[in-house]
Amino acid sequence: MALEMRKKCERCDSAIGENAAAYICVYECTFCEPCTETMEHICPNCGGELVRRPRKPQKVRMV
């Protein structure tokens, strides 16, 4: 099951690009980097840790 790559910060509503720095909790709440810093890496919805969302690869390599 893939992550839902949400495109907006849930706190400030700013756009988050597909490969931009974003932070998520275990429930995939998504926040931009400035909001995450302000919230001290704690999700305001569940109280869980916010960690860096993985980025999609630029090119898919076929092996």
Protein backbone atom coordinates (compact mmCIF):
# COMPACT_ATOMS: atom_id res chain seq x y z
CA MET A 1 0.00 0.00 0.00
CA ALA A 2 1.53 3.32 -1.09
CA LEU A 3 1.61 6.52 0.90
CA GLU A 4 -0.96 9.14 0.03
CA MET A 5 1.20 12.02 -1.21
CA ARG A 6 -0.93 14.92 -0.01
CA LYS A 7 -0.27 18.23 -1.71
CA LYS A 8 -1.11 20.74 1.05
CA CYS A 9 0.04 21.36 4.60
CA GLU A 10 -2.77 20.52 7.02
CA ARG A 11 -1.84 23.47 9.25
CA CYS A 12 -1.19 26.43 6.95
CA ASP A 13 -2.69 25.14 3.67
CA SER A 14 0.49 25.91 1.71
CA ALA A 15 1.25 23.80 -1.35
CA ILE A 16 3.72 20.93 -0.94
CA GLY A 17 5.40 19.76 -4.13
CA GLU A 18 5.76 16.07 -4.91
CA ASN A 19 9.47 16.10 -4.06
CA ALA A 20 9.44 18.96 -1.55
CA ALA A 21 10.33 18.47 2.10
CA ALA A 22 7.23 17.37 3.98
CA TYR A 23 6.60 15.58 7.26
CA ILE A 24 4.04 12.90 8.12
CA CYS A 25 2.84 10.93 11.15
CA VAL A 26 1.73 7.29 11.21
CA TYR A 27 -1.74 8.36 10.02
CA GLU A 28 -0.21 10.30 7.08
CA CYS A 29 -1.17 13.73 8.42
CA THR A 30 1.03 15.97 6.28
CA PHE A 31 2.79 19.21 7.19
CA CYS A 32 5.30 21.56 5.56
CA GLU A 33 8.76 21.97 7.05
CA PRO A 34 8.16 25.38 8.75
CA CYS A 35 4.96 24.17 10.46
CA THR A 36 6.67 20.95 11.55
CA GLU A 37 9.47 22.96 13.17
CA THR A 38 6.94 25.20 14.95
CA MET A 39 5.08 22.13 16.25
CA GLU A 40 8.40 20.58 17.39
CA HIS A 41 7.87 17.48 15.20
CA ILE A 42 4.68 16.45 17.07
CA CYS A 43 1.44 15.85 15.15
CA PRO A 44 -1.34 18.04 16.59
CA ASN A 45 -3.96 15.47 15.50
CA CYS A 46 -2.64 12.29 17.13
CA GLY A 47 0.34 13.41 19.23
CA GLY A 48 2.66 11.16 17.23
CA GLU A 49 6.11 11.94 15.87
CA LEU A 50 6.37 13.76 12.54
CA VAL A 51 9.07 12.30 10.31
CA ARG A 52 10.36 13.22 6.87
CA ARG A 53 8.12 11.95 4.10
CA PRO A 54 10.04 9.84 1.55
CA ARG A 55 10.50 11.33 -1.88
CA LYS A 56 9.54 9.64 -5.11
CA PRO A 57 12.50 8.58 -7.27
CA GLN A 58 13.27 10.90 -10.18
CA LYS A 59 13.53 8.01 -12.61
CA VAL A 60 12.33 4.47 -12.22
CA ARG A 61 15.11 2.01 -12.95
CA MET A 62 14.19 -1.32 -14.43
CA VAL A 63 16.38 -4.12 -13.12
